[in-house]
PDB file of N, CA and C in Angstrom:
ATOM      1  N   MET A   1     117.973 101.236 119.524  1.00  0.00           N
ATOM      2  CA  MET A   1     118.945 101.731 118.544  1.00  0.00           C
ATOM      3  C   MET A   1     118.828 101.236 117.233  1.00  0.00           C
ATOM      4  N   PHE A   2     118.604  99.910 117.092  1.00  0.00           N
ATOM      5  CA  PHE A   2     118.535  99.353 115.804  1.00  0.00           C
ATOM      6  C   PHE A   2     117.360  99.724 115.130  1.00  0.00           C
ATOM      7  N   GLU A   3     116.284  99.960 115.712  1.00  0.00           N
ATOM      8  CA  GLU A   3     115.181 100.537 114.898  1.00  0.00           C
ATOM      9  C   GLU A   3     115.291 101.838 114.409  1.00  0.00           C
ATOM     10  N   LYS A   4     116.041 102.861 115.261  1.00  0.00           N
ATOM     11  CA  LYS A   4     116.356 104.197 114.729  1.00  0.00           C
ATOM     12  C   LYS A   4     117.225 103.959 113.510  1.00  0.00           C
ATOM     13  N   LEU A   5     118.231 103.335 113.706  1.00  0.00           N
ATOM     14  CA  LEU A   5     119.228 103.010 112.542  1.00  0.00           C
ATOM     15  C   LEU A   5     118.474 102.516 111.348  1.00  0.00           C
ATOM     16  N   CYS A   6     117.540 101.650 111.305  1.00  0.00           N
ATOM     17  CA  CYS A   6     116.595 101.190 110.093  1.00  0.00           C
ATOM     18  C   CYS A   6     115.821 102.192 109.643  1.00  0.00           C
ATOM     19  N   ARG A   7     115.138 103.117 110.473  1.00  0.00           N
ATOM     20  CA  ARG A   7     114.459 104.170 109.961  1.00  0.00           C
ATOM     21  C   ARG A   7     115.332 105.208 109.207  1.00  0.00           C
ATOM     22  N   TRP A   8     116.344 105.436 109.692  1.00  0.00           N
ATOM     23  CA  TRP A   8     117.455 106.375 109.148  1.00  0.00           C
ATOM     24  C   TRP A   8     117.872 105.763 107.937  1.00  0.00           C
ATOM     25  N   LEU A   9     118.037 104.723 107.706  1.00  0.00           N
ATOM     26  CA  LEU A   9     118.611 104.114 106.347  1.00  0.00           C
ATOM     27  C   LEU A   9     117.454 104.025 105.531  1.00  0.00           C
ATOM     28  N   LYS A  10     116.408 103.743 105.775  1.00  0.00           N
ATOM     29  CA  LYS A  10     115.008 103.997 105.028  1.00  0.00           C
ATOM     30  C   LYS A  10     114.683 105.511 104.421  1.00  0.00           C
ATOM     31  N   GLY A  11     115.059 106.551 105.210  1.00  0.00           N
ATOM     32  CA  GLY A  11     114.426 107.638 104.796  1.00  0.00           C
ATOM     33  C   GLY A  11     113.165 107.776 105.341  1.00  0.00           C
ATOM     34  N   ASP A  12     112.834 107.339 106.464  1.00  0.00           N
ATOM     35  CA  ASP A  12     111.311 107.235 107.018  1.00  0.00           C
ATOM     36  C   ASP A  12     111.005 108.555 107.544  1.00  0.00           C
ATOM     37  N   PHE A  13     109.746 109.220 106.910  1.00  0.00           N
ATOM     38  CA  PHE A  13     109.139 110.535 107.477  1.00  0.00           C
ATOM     39  C   PHE A  13     107.628 110.429 107.569  1.00  0.00           C
ATOM     40  N   ALA A  14     107.210 111.203 108.396  1.00  0.00           N
ATOM     41  CA  ALA A  14     105.750 111.408 108.501  1.00  0.00           C
ATOM     42  C   ALA A  14     105.169 112.794 108.364  1.00  0.00           C
ATOM     43  N   CYS A  15     104.189 112.828 107.706  1.00  0.00           N
ATOM     44  CA  CYS A  15     103.667 114.339 107.528  1.00  0.00           C
ATOM     45  C   CYS A  15     103.248 114.799 108.925  1.00  0.00           C
ATOM     46  N   LYS A  16     103.605 116.310 109.303  1.00  0.00           N
ATOM     47  CA  LYS A  16     103.308 116.836 110.300  1.00  0.00           C
ATOM     48  C   LYS A  16     101.855 117.121 110.516  1.00  0.00           C
ATOM     49  N   LYS A  17     101.401 117.344 109.339  1.00  0.00           N
ATOM     50  CA  LYS A  17      99.851 117.650 109.277  1.00  0.00           C
ATOM     51  C   LYS A  17      98.819 116.660 109.270  1.00  0.00           C
ATOM     52  N   CYS A  18      99.214 115.675 108.416  1.00  0.00           N
ATOM     53  CA  CYS A  18      98.139 114.619 108.203  1.00  0.00           C
ATOM     54  C   CYS A  18      98.513 113.112 108.718  1.00  0.00           C
ATOM     55  N   GLY A  19      99.846 113.156 109.034  1.00  0.00           N
ATOM     56  CA  GLY A  19     100.308 111.823 109.353  1.00  0.00           C
ATOM     57  C   GLY A  19     100.889 110.825 108.413  1.00  0.00           C
ATOM     58  N   ALA A  20     100.576 110.949 107.165  1.00  0.00           N
ATOM     59  CA  ALA A  20     101.035 110.111 106.097  1.00  0.00           C
ATOM     60  C   ALA A  20     102.389 109.832 106.031  1.00  0.00           C
ATOM     61  N   ARG A  21     102.787 108.657 105.746  1.00  0.00           N
ATOM     62  CA  ARG A  21     104.179 108.046 105.787  1.00  0.00           C
ATOM     63  C   ARG A  21     104.691 108.318 104.461  1.00  0.00           C
ATOM     64  N   TYR A  22     105.904 108.784 104.277  1.00  0.00           N
ATOM     65  CA  TYR A  22     106.676 109.120 103.047  1.00  0.00           C
ATOM     66  C   TYR A  22     108.235 108.287 103.311  1.00  0.00           C
ATOM     67  N   ARG A  23     108.799 108.025 102.356  1.00  0.00           N
ATOM     68  CA  ARG A  23     110.248 107.677 102.210  1.00  0.00           C
ATOM     69  C   ARG A  23     111.019 108.598 101.296  1.00  0.00           C
ATOM     70  N   LEU A  24     111.805 109.314 101.926  1.00  0.00           N
ATOM     71  CA  LEU A  24     112.501 110.158 101.084  1.00  0.00           C
ATOM     72  C   LEU A  24     113.776 109.536 100.517  1.00  0.00           C
ATOM     73  N   MET A  25     114.441 109.818  99.338  1.00  0.00           N
ATOM     74  CA  MET A  25     115.529 109.454  98.730  1.00  0.00           C
ATOM     75  C   MET A  25     116.723 109.895  99.524  1.00  0.00           C
ATOM     76  N   SER A  26     116.699 109.925 100.809  1.00  0.00           N
ATOM     77  CA  SER A  26     117.792 110.586 101.553  1.00  0.00           C
ATOM     78  C   SER A  26     117.969 109.717 102.881  1.00  0.00           C
ATOM     79  N   PHE A  27     118.908 109.887 103.484  1.00  0.00           N
ATOM     80  CA  PHE A  27     119.077 109.244 104.750  1.00  0.00           C
ATOM     81  C   PHE A  27     118.417 110.089 105.735  1.00  0.00           C
ATOM     82  N   GLY A  28     117.841 109.635 106.876  1.00  0.00           N
ATOM     83  CA  GLY A  28     117.249 110.334 107.937  1.00  0.00           C
ATOM     84  C   GLY A  28     115.910 110.052 108.148  1.00  0.00           C
ATOM     85  N   TYR A  29     115.355 110.460 109.255  1.00  0.00           N
ATOM     86  CA  TYR A  29     113.986 110.355 109.605  1.00  0.00           C
ATOM     87  C   TYR A  29     113.461 111.525 110.666  1.00  0.00           C
ATOM     88  N   GLY A  30     112.110 111.630 110.423  1.00  0.00           N
ATOM     89  CA  GLY A  30     111.561 112.943 111.170  1.00  0.00           C
ATOM     90  C   GLY A  30     110.267 112.919 110.742  1.00  0.00           C
ATOM     91  N   GLU A  31     109.995 114.383 110.364  1.00  0.00           N
ATOM     92  CA  GLU A  31     108.671 114.943 109.902  1.00  0.00           C
ATOM     93  C   GLU A  31     109.075 115.554 108.647  1.00  0.00           C
ATOM     94  N   VAL A  32     107.935 115.576 107.965  1.00  0.00           N
ATOM     95  CA  VAL A  32     107.965 116.616 106.626  1.00  0.00           C
ATOM     96  C   VAL A  32     106.517 117.318 106.371  1.00  0.00           C
ATOM     97  N   ILE A  33     106.431 117.931 105.444  1.00  0.00           N
ATOM     98  CA  ILE A  33     104.948 118.640 105.201  1.00  0.00           C
ATOM     99  C   ILE A  33     104.840 117.963 103.724  1.00  0.00           C
ATOM    100  N   CYS A  34     103.833 117.041 103.579  1.00  0.00           N
ATOM    101  CA  CYS A  34     103.679 116.381 102.470  1.00  0.00           C
ATOM    102  C   CYS A  34     103.057 117.266 101.317  1.00  0.00           C
ATOM    103  N   PRO A  35     103.195 116.812  99.963  1.00  0.00           N
ATOM    104  CA  PRO A  35     102.722 117.592  98.847  1.00  0.00           C
ATOM    105  C   PRO A  35     101.168 118.182  99.081  1.00  0.00           C
ATOM    106  N   SER A  36     100.414 117.380  99.528  1.00  0.00           N
ATOM    107  CA  SER A  36      98.853 117.666  99.766  1.00  0.00           C
ATOM    108  C   SER A  36      98.459 118.509 101.023  1.00  0.00           C
ATOM    109  N   CYS A  37      99.508 118.870 101.689  1.00  0.00           N
ATOM    110  CA  CYS A  37      99.487 119.810 103.090  1.00  0.00           C
ATOM    111  C   CYS A  37     100.311 120.859 102.691  1.00  0.00           C
ATOM    112  N   TYR A  38     101.066 120.975 101.846  1.00  0.00           N
ATOM    113  CA  TYR A  38     102.144 122.143 101.806  1.00  0.00           C
ATOM    114  C   TYR A  38     101.137 123.359 101.364  1.00  0.00           C
ATOM    115  N   GLU A  39     101.671 124.353 102.045  1.00  0.00           N
ATOM    116  CA  GLU A  39     100.925 125.685 101.817  1.00  0.00           C
ATOM    117  C   GLU A  39     101.936 126.966 101.737  1.00  0.00           C
ATOM    118  N   GLY A  40     103.126 126.527 101.085  1.00  0.00           N
ATOM    119  CA  GLY A  40     104.151 127.657 100.913  1.00  0.00           C
ATOM    120  C   GLY A  40     105.145 127.786 101.898  1.00  0.00           C
ATOM    121  N   GLU A  41     105.401 126.841 102.829  1.00  0.00           N
ATOM    122  CA  GLU A  41     106.345 127.058 103.983  1.00  0.00           C
ATOM    123  C   GLU A  41     107.667 126.711 103.226  1.00  0.00           C
ATOM    124  N   LYS A  42     108.577 127.580 103.832  1.00  0.00           N
ATOM    125  CA  LYS A  42     109.937 127.585 103.317  1.00  0.00           C
ATOM    126  C   LYS A  42     110.707 126.300 103.777  1.00  0.00           C
ATOM    127  N   LYS A  43     110.446 125.682 104.891  1.00  0.00           N
ATOM    128  CA  LYS A  43     111.045 124.344 105.263  1.00  0.00           C
ATOM    129  C   LYS A  43     109.956 123.489 105.436  1.00  0.00           C
ATOM    130  N   PHE A  44     110.138 122.302 104.936  1.00  0.00           N
ATOM    131  CA  PHE A  44     109.343 121.187 104.837  1.00  0.00           C
ATOM    132  C   PHE A  44     109.848 119.794 105.236  1.00  0.00           C
ATOM    133  N   VAL A  45     111.097 119.724 105.458  1.00  0.00           N
ATOM    134  CA  VAL A  45     111.749 118.558 105.955  1.00  0.00           C
ATOM    135  C   VAL A  45     112.310 118.776 107.293  1.00  0.00           C
ATOM    136  N   PHE A  46     111.873 118.118 108.343  1.00  0.00           N
ATOM    137  CA  PHE A  46     112.268 118.394 109.763  1.00  0.00           C
ATOM    138  C   PHE A  46     113.004 117.062 110.242  1.00  0.00           C
ATOM    139  N   LEU A  47     114.290 116.856 110.255  1.00  0.00           N
ATOM    140  CA  LEU A  47     114.956 115.768 110.944  1.00  0.00           C
ATOM    141  C   LEU A  47     114.796 115.688 112.184  1.00  0.00           C
ATOM    142  N   ASP A  48     114.499 114.516 112.971  1.00  0.00           N
ATOM    143  CA  ASP A  48     114.612 114.258 114.177  1.00  0.00           C
ATOM    144  C   ASP A  48     115.849 114.572 114.952  1.00  0.00           C
ATOM    145  N   ARG A  49     116.128 115.608 115.566  1.00  0.00           N
ATOM    146  CA  ARG A  49     117.584 116.093 116.226  1.00  0.00           C
ATOM    147  C   ARG A  49     117.929 114.870 117.331  1.00  0.00           C
ATOM    148  N   GLY A  50     117.094 114.330 117.638  1.00  0.00           N
ATOM    149  CA  GLY A  50     117.373 113.361 118.831  1.00  0.00           C
ATOM    150  C   GLY A  50     118.239 112.242 118.367  1.00  0.00           C
ATOM    151  N   PHE A  51     118.488 111.833 117.232  1.00  0.00           N
ATOM    152  CA  PHE A  51     119.539 110.754 116.881  1.00  0.00           C
ATOM    153  C   PHE A  51     120.610 111.464 116.074  1.00  0.00           C
ATOM    154  N   TRP A  52     121.870 110.752 116.784  1.00  0.00           N
ATOM    155  CA  TRP A  52     123.008 111.499 116.116  1.00  0.00           C
ATOM    156  C   TRP A  52     123.466 111.524 114.750  1.00  0.00           C
ATOM    157  N   LEU A  53     122.740 110.413 113.997  1.00  0.00           N
ATOM    158  CA  LEU A  53     123.067 110.481 112.526  1.00  0.00           C
ATOM    159  C   LEU A  53     122.209 111.458 111.921  1.00  0.00           C
ATOM    160  N   ASN A  54     121.098 111.801 112.392  1.00  0.00           N
ATOM    161  CA  ASN A  54     120.380 112.950 111.774  1.00  0.00           C
ATOM    162  C   ASN A  54     120.991 114.174 112.039  1.00  0.00           C
ATOM    163  N   ARG A  55     121.608 114.416 113.440  1.00  0.00           N
ATOM    164  CA  ARG A  55     122.504 115.736 113.544  1.00  0.00           C
ATOM    165  C   ARG A  55     123.769 115.542 112.483  1.00  0.00           C
ATOM    166  N   ILE A  56     124.375 114.863 112.263  1.00  0.00           N
ATOM    167  CA  ILE A  56     125.421 114.505 111.422  1.00  0.00           C
ATOM    168  C   ILE A  56     124.941 114.882 109.974  1.00  0.00           C
ATOM    169  N   THR A  57     123.792 114.287 109.401  1.00  0.00           N
ATOM    170  CA  THR A  57     123.133 114.672 108.230  1.00  0.00           C
ATOM    171  C   THR A  57     122.788 116.030 108.054  1.00  0.00           C
ATOM    172  N   SER A  58     122.269 116.515 109.062  1.00  0.00           N
ATOM    173  CA  SER A  58     121.924 117.951 108.978  1.00  0.00           C
ATOM    174  C   SER A  58     123.124 118.762 108.875  1.00  0.00           C
ATOM    175  N   LEU A  59     124.307 118.466 109.507  1.00  0.00           N
ATOM    176  CA  LEU A  59     125.547 119.240 109.402  1.00  0.00           C
ATOM    177  C   LEU A  59     126.083 119.203 107.807  1.00  0.00           C
ATOM    178  N   MET A  60     125.852 117.898 107.466  1.00  0.00           N
ATOM    179  CA  MET A  60     126.308 117.575 105.972  1.00  0.00           C
ATOM    180  C   MET A  60     125.626 118.507 104.793  1.00  0.00           C
ATOM    181  N   ILE A  61     124.294 118.578 105.125  1.00  0.00           N
ATOM    182  CA  ILE A  61     123.471 119.375 104.036  1.00  0.00           C
ATOM    183  C   ILE A  61     123.539 120.845 104.529  1.00  0.00           C
ATOM    184  N   ARG A  62     124.175 121.208 105.611  1.00  0.00           N
ATOM    185  CA  ARG A  62     124.126 122.639 105.993  1.00  0.00           C
ATOM    186  C   ARG A  62     122.833 123.205 106.176  1.00  0.00           C
ATOM    187  N   GLU A  63     121.818 122.323 106.871  1.00  0.00           N
ATOM    188  CA  GLU A  63     120.616 122.902 107.126  1.00  0.00           C
ATOM    189  C   GLU A  63     120.623 124.083 107.932  1.00  0.00           C
ATOM    190  N   SER A  64     121.423 124.336 108.763  1.00  0.00           N
ATOM    191  CA  SER A  64     121.418 125.549 109.522  1.00  0.00           C
ATOM    192  C   SER A  64     121.913 126.688 109.036  1.00  0.00           C
ATOM    193  N   VAL A  65     122.924 126.436 108.141  1.00  0.00           N
ATOM    194  CA  VAL A  65     123.508 127.554 107.409  1.00  0.00           C
ATOM    195  C   VAL A  65     122.693 128.241 106.233  1.00  0.00           C
ATOM    196  N   SER A  66     121.729 127.277 105.735  1.00  0.00           N
ATOM    197  CA  SER A  66     121.088 127.744 104.653  1.00  0.00           C
ATOM    198  C   SER A  66     119.866 128.528 105.112  1.00  0.00           C
ATOM    199  N   GLU A  67     119.370 128.536 106.340  1.00  0.00           N
ATOM    200  CA  GLU A  67     118.456 129.392 106.870  1.00  0.00           C
ATOM    201  C   GLU A  67     119.043 130.940 107.027  1.00  0.00           C
ATOM    202  N   GLN A  68     118.205 131.724 106.417  1.00  0.00           N
ATOM    203  CA  GLN A  68     118.733 133.238 106.242  1.00  0.00           C
ATOM    204  C   GLN A  68     117.778 134.040 107.281  1.00  0.00           C
ATOM    205  N   ARG A  69     118.629 134.872 107.877  1.00  0.00           N
ATOM    206  CA  ARG A  69     117.955 135.843 108.921  1.00  0.00           C
ATOM    207  C   ARG A  69     116.978 136.953 108.070  1.00  0.00           C
ATOM    208  N   GLU A  70     115.833 137.256 108.560  1.00  0.00           N
ATOM    209  CA  GLU A  70     115.023 138.198 107.838  1.00  0.00           C
ATOM    210  C   GLU A  70     115.799 139.440 107.388  1.00  0.00           C
ATOM    211  N   GLU A  71     116.678 140.151 108.353  1.00  0.00           N
ATOM    212  CA  GLU A  71     117.389 141.197 108.328  1.00  0.00           C
ATOM    213  C   GLU A  71     118.494 141.046 107.079  1.00  0.00           C
ATOM    214  N   ASP A  72     118.760 140.042 106.721  1.00  0.00           N
ATOM    215  CA  ASP A  72     119.766 139.725 105.689  1.00  0.00           C
ATOM    216  C   ASP A  72     119.217 139.873 104.436  1.00  0.00           C
ATOM    217  N   VAL A  73     117.942 139.719 104.296  1.00  0.00           N
ATOM    218  CA  VAL A  73     117.138 139.476 103.039  1.00  0.00           C
ATOM    219  C   VAL A  73     117.343 140.570 102.134  1.00  0.00           C
ATOM    220  N   PRO A  74     117.162 142.167 102.535  1.00  0.00           N
ATOM    221  CA  PRO A  74     117.321 143.224 101.948  1.00  0.00           C
ATOM    222  C   PRO A  74     118.794 143.379 101.229  1.00  0.00           C
ATOM    223  N   GLU A  75     119.858 142.758 102.040  1.00  0.00           N
ATOM    224  CA  GLU A  75     121.128 143.060 101.855  1.00  0.00           C
ATOM    225  C   GLU A  75     121.382 142.020 100.502  1.00  0.00           C
ATOM    226  N   ILE A  76     120.913 140.760 100.705  1.00  0.00           N
ATOM    227  CA  ILE A  76     121.011 139.769  99.404  1.00  0.00           C
ATOM    228  C   ILE A  76     120.294 140.368  98.190  1.00  0.00           C
ATOM    229  N   ILE A  77     119.211 140.868  98.323  1.00  0.00           N
ATOM    230  CA  ILE A  77     118.399 141.463  97.282  1.00  0.00           C
ATOM    231  C   ILE A  77     119.182 142.643  96.556  1.00  0.00           C
ATOM    232  N   ASP A  78     119.859 143.619  97.182  1.00  0.00           N
ATOM    233  CA  ASP A  78     120.544 144.511  96.713  1.00  0.00           C
ATOM    234  C   ASP A  78     121.936 143.993  95.955  1.00  0.00           C
ATOM    235  N   TYR A  79     122.479 143.124  96.514  1.00  0.00           N
ATOM    236  CA  TYR A  79     123.709 142.437  95.975  1.00  0.00           C
ATOM    237  C   TYR A  79     123.196 141.918  94.692  1.00  0.00           C
ATOM    238  N   VAL A  80     122.349 141.120  94.785  1.00  0.00           N
ATOM    239  CA  VAL A  80     121.777 140.463  93.329  1.00  0.00           C
ATOM    240  C   VAL A  80     121.284 141.149  92.398  1.00  0.00           C
ATOM    241  N   GLU A  81     120.729 142.380  92.836  1.00  0.00           N
ATOM    242  CA  GLU A  81     120.320 143.469  91.725  1.00  0.00           C
ATOM    243  C   GLU A  81     121.482 144.192  91.101  1.00  0.00           C
ATOM    244  N   LYS A  82     122.579 144.203  91.971  1.00  0.00           N
ATOM    245  CA  LYS A  82     123.902 145.062  91.368  1.00  0.00           C
ATOM    246  C   LYS A  82     124.755 143.874  90.482  1.00  0.00           C
ATOM    247  N   HIS A  83     124.563 142.856  90.634  1.00  0.00           N
ATOM    248  CA  HIS A  83     125.204 141.680  89.870  1.00  0.00           C
ATOM    249  C   HIS A  83     124.179 140.733  88.934  1.00  0.00           C
ATOM    250  N   PRO A  84     123.737 141.171  88.186  1.00  0.00           N
ATOM    251  CA  PRO A  84     122.744 140.674  87.141  1.00  0.00           C
ATOM    252  C   PRO A  84     123.128 139.380  86.684  1.00  0.00           C
ATOM    253  N   GLU A  85     124.410 138.883  86.486  1.00  0.00           N
ATOM    254  CA  GLU A  85     124.852 137.743  86.318  1.00  0.00           C
ATOM    255  C   GLU A  85     124.254 136.553  87.308  1.00  0.00           C
ATOM    256  N   LEU A  86     123.994 137.014  88.436  1.00  0.00           N
ATOM    257  CA  LEU A  86     123.579 135.919  89.435  1.00  0.00           C
ATOM    258  C   LEU A  86     122.089 135.701  89.605  1.00  0.00           C
ATOM    259  N   GLN A  87     121.348 136.498  88.635  1.00  0.00           N
ATOM    260  CA  GLN A  87     119.771 136.404  88.997  1.00  0.00           C
ATOM    261  C   GLN A  87     119.512 135.061  87.880  1.00  0.00           C
ATOM    262  N   VAL A  88     118.440 134.501  88.461  1.00  0.00           N
ATOM    263  CA  VAL A  88     117.913 133.158  87.933  1.00  0.00           C
ATOM    264  C   VAL A  88     117.001 133.555  86.810  1.00  0.00           C
ATOM    265  N   LEU A  89     116.986 133.196  85.564  1.00  0.00           N
ATOM    266  CA  LEU A  89     116.144 133.281  84.711  1.00  0.00           C
ATOM    267  C   LEU A  89     114.910 132.345  84.825  1.00  0.00           C
ATOM    268  N   GLY A  90     113.675 132.751  84.679  1.00  0.00           N
ATOM    269  CA  GLY A  90     112.542 131.774  84.973  1.00  0.00           C
ATOM    270  C   GLY A  90     112.076 131.334  83.761  1.00  0.00           C
TER     271      GLY A  90
END
Protein backbone atom coordinates (compact mmCIF):
# COMPACT_ATOMS: atom_id res chain seq x y z
CA MET A 1 0.00 0.00 0.00
CA PHE A 2 2.82 2.41 0.88
CA GLU A 3 4.58 1.67 -2.43
CA LYS A 4 1.41 2.47 -4.42
CA LEU A 5 0.90 5.70 -2.48
CA CYS A 6 4.50 6.77 -3.19
CA ARG A 7 4.07 6.03 -6.92
CA TRP A 8 0.77 7.94 -6.94
CA LEU A 9 2.35 10.98 -5.25
CA LYS A 10 5.29 10.99 -7.69
CA GLY A 11 3.15 10.67 -10.85
CA ASP A 12 5.06 7.54 -11.88
CA PHE A 13 4.20 6.22 -15.37
CA ALA A 14 5.76 3.78 -17.85
CA CYS A 15 5.40 3.89 -21.63
CA LYS A 16 3.09 1.14 -22.93
CA LYS A 17 5.22 0.64 -26.03
CA CYS A 18 8.88 1.08 -25.08
CA GLY A 19 8.76 0.81 -21.27
CA ALA A 20 10.55 4.13 -20.60
CA ARG A 21 9.73 5.67 -17.20
CA TYR A 22 8.12 9.11 -16.96
CA ARG A 23 6.97 11.35 -14.14
CA LEU A 24 3.97 13.47 -14.98
CA MET A 25 3.22 16.70 -13.18
CA SER A 26 0.10 15.07 -11.81
CA PHE A 27 -0.89 12.60 -9.16
CA GLY A 28 -1.41 9.03 -10.29
CA TYR A 29 0.43 6.10 -11.79
CA GLY A 30 -0.04 3.73 -14.66
CA GLU A 31 0.96 3.80 -18.31
CA VAL A 32 1.47 6.47 -20.97
CA ILE A 33 2.41 6.62 -24.60
CA CYS A 34 5.66 8.59 -24.64
CA PRO A 35 6.45 11.32 -27.21
CA SER A 36 8.81 8.97 -29.07
CA CYS A 37 6.14 6.27 -29.47
CA TYR A 38 3.13 8.53 -29.99
CA GLU A 39 1.38 7.89 -33.31
CA GLY A 40 -1.69 10.13 -33.04
CA GLU A 41 -3.65 8.20 -30.41
CA LYS A 42 -6.45 10.23 -28.81
CA LYS A 43 -5.74 8.87 -25.35
CA PHE A 44 -2.16 8.64 -24.14
CA VAL A 45 -2.39 8.53 -20.32
CA PHE A 46 -3.83 5.39 -18.72
CA LEU A 47 -4.30 5.43 -14.96
CA ASP A 48 -4.06 2.09 -13.17
CA ARG A 49 -7.71 1.55 -12.17
CA GLY A 50 -6.71 -0.95 -9.47
CA PHE A 51 -5.69 1.78 -6.99
CA TRP A 52 -8.47 3.75 -5.32
CA LEU A 53 -6.71 7.13 -5.51
CA ASN A 54 -6.32 6.69 -9.27
CA ARG A 55 -10.07 6.09 -9.54
CA ILE A 56 -10.75 9.28 -7.59
CA THR A 57 -8.26 11.18 -9.76
CA SER A 58 -9.98 9.82 -12.84
CA LEU A 59 -13.32 11.08 -11.60
CA MET A 60 -11.86 14.48 -10.78
CA ILE A 61 -10.48 14.98 -14.28
CA ARG A 62 -13.68 13.53 -15.71
CA GLU A 63 -11.79 11.07 -17.86
CA SER A 64 -14.87 9.02 -18.61
CA VAL A 65 -16.96 12.09 -19.48
CA SER A 66 -14.41 13.50 -21.91
CA GLU A 67 -14.51 10.41 -24.12
CA GLN A 68 -17.02 10.99 -26.91
CA ARG A 69 -18.95 8.26 -28.70
CA GLU A 70 -18.37 8.17 -32.47
CA GLU A 71 -22.07 8.63 -33.22
CA ASP A 72 -22.02 11.95 -31.31
CA VAL A 73 -19.30 13.45 -33.52
CA PRO A 74 -21.55 14.54 -36.45
CA GLU A 75 -23.95 16.24 -34.01
CA ILE A 76 -21.08 18.08 -32.35
CA ILE A 77 -19.65 19.20 -35.72
CA ASP A 78 -23.10 20.45 -36.84
CA TYR A 79 -23.51 22.39 -33.59
CA VAL A 80 -20.08 24.03 -33.85
CA GLU A 81 -20.68 24.94 -37.51
CA LYS A 82 -23.94 26.67 -36.53
CA HIS A 83 -22.18 28.59 -33.73
CA PRO A 84 -19.00 30.14 -35.23
CA GLU A 85 -18.10 31.79 -31.90
CA LEU A 86 -17.23 28.29 -30.60
CA GLN A 87 -14.70 27.53 -33.33
CA VAL A 88 -11.05 27.56 -32.36
CA LEU A 89 -8.84 29.76 -34.49
CA GLY A 90 -5.62 28.06 -35.48
